[in-house]
Amino acid sequence: MPGRTRPIDKLATAAAKCSKESSLYGKCILADYNNVRKDMCINEFMKLKECYLKAYKQR
């Protein structure tokens, strides 16, 4: 089907647009990586998720 974008391509594009959010989430996890637990960085994760979803839906 010409003109159709594969889901993995859309995800890659979305990830590229969310580098700031990815970096903040990574830094949060890295700050205490020996003691990672559920919801440790929930605020950063939610911002990253929102960015991915917004960027993913733009195409």
Protein backbone atom coordinates (compact mmCIF):
# COMPACT_ATOMS: atom_id res chain seq x y z
CA MET A 1 0.00 0.00 0.00
CA PRO A 2 1.85 3.14 -1.20
CA GLY A 3 1.99 6.13 1.11
CA ARG A 4 1.42 4.08 4.23
CA THR A 5 3.85 4.59 7.10
CA ARG A 6 4.93 1.55 9.06
CA PRO A 7 4.28 1.74 12.81
CA ILE A 8 7.97 1.30 13.65
CA ASP A 9 8.82 4.31 11.49
CA LYS A 10 6.19 6.38 13.29
CA LEU A 11 7.61 5.29 16.64
CA ALA A 12 11.15 6.21 15.59
CA THR A 13 9.98 9.65 14.49
CA ALA A 14 8.10 10.16 17.75
CA ALA A 15 11.13 9.10 19.79
CA ALA A 16 13.33 11.56 17.91
CA LYS A 17 10.95 14.41 18.75
CA CYS A 18 11.01 13.61 22.48
CA SER A 19 14.72 13.73 23.23
CA LYS A 20 14.34 16.27 26.04
CA GLU A 21 11.72 14.17 27.84
CA SER A 22 13.75 10.99 27.27
CA SER A 23 16.80 12.60 28.76
CA LEU A 24 14.93 13.79 31.85
CA TYR A 25 13.43 10.35 32.41
CA GLY A 26 16.80 8.67 31.95
CA LYS A 27 18.46 11.03 34.41
CA CYS A 28 15.75 10.34 36.97
CA ILE A 29 16.24 6.57 36.68
CA LEU A 30 20.02 6.91 36.67
CA ALA A 31 19.99 9.03 39.83
CA ASP A 32 19.13 5.96 41.91
CA TYR A 33 19.54 3.02 39.53
CA ASN A 34 20.49 0.60 42.32
CA ASN A 35 17.11 1.12 43.92
CA VAL A 36 14.70 1.35 40.96
CA ARG A 37 11.10 0.75 41.97
CA LYS A 38 7.67 1.13 40.45
CA ASP A 39 6.52 4.73 39.97
CA MET A 40 9.93 6.06 41.01
CA CYS A 41 9.96 8.57 38.15
CA ILE A 42 6.26 8.64 37.34
CA ASN A 43 6.13 12.37 36.54
CA GLU A 44 8.99 12.14 34.07
CA PHE A 45 7.56 8.96 32.57
CA MET A 46 4.13 10.51 32.07
CA LYS A 47 5.66 13.53 30.32
CA LEU A 48 7.63 11.18 28.07
CA LYS A 49 4.54 9.10 27.33
CA GLU A 50 2.48 12.19 26.49
CA CYS A 51 5.20 13.43 24.17
CA TYR A 52 5.41 10.06 22.38
CA LEU A 53 1.65 9.87 21.94
CA LYS A 54 1.40 13.42 20.67
CA ALA A 55 4.29 12.96 18.22
CA TYR A 56 3.00 9.53 17.13
CA LYS A 57 -0.43 10.92 16.24
CA GLN A 58 0.95 13.84 14.22
CA ARG A 59 1.60 11.75 11.11
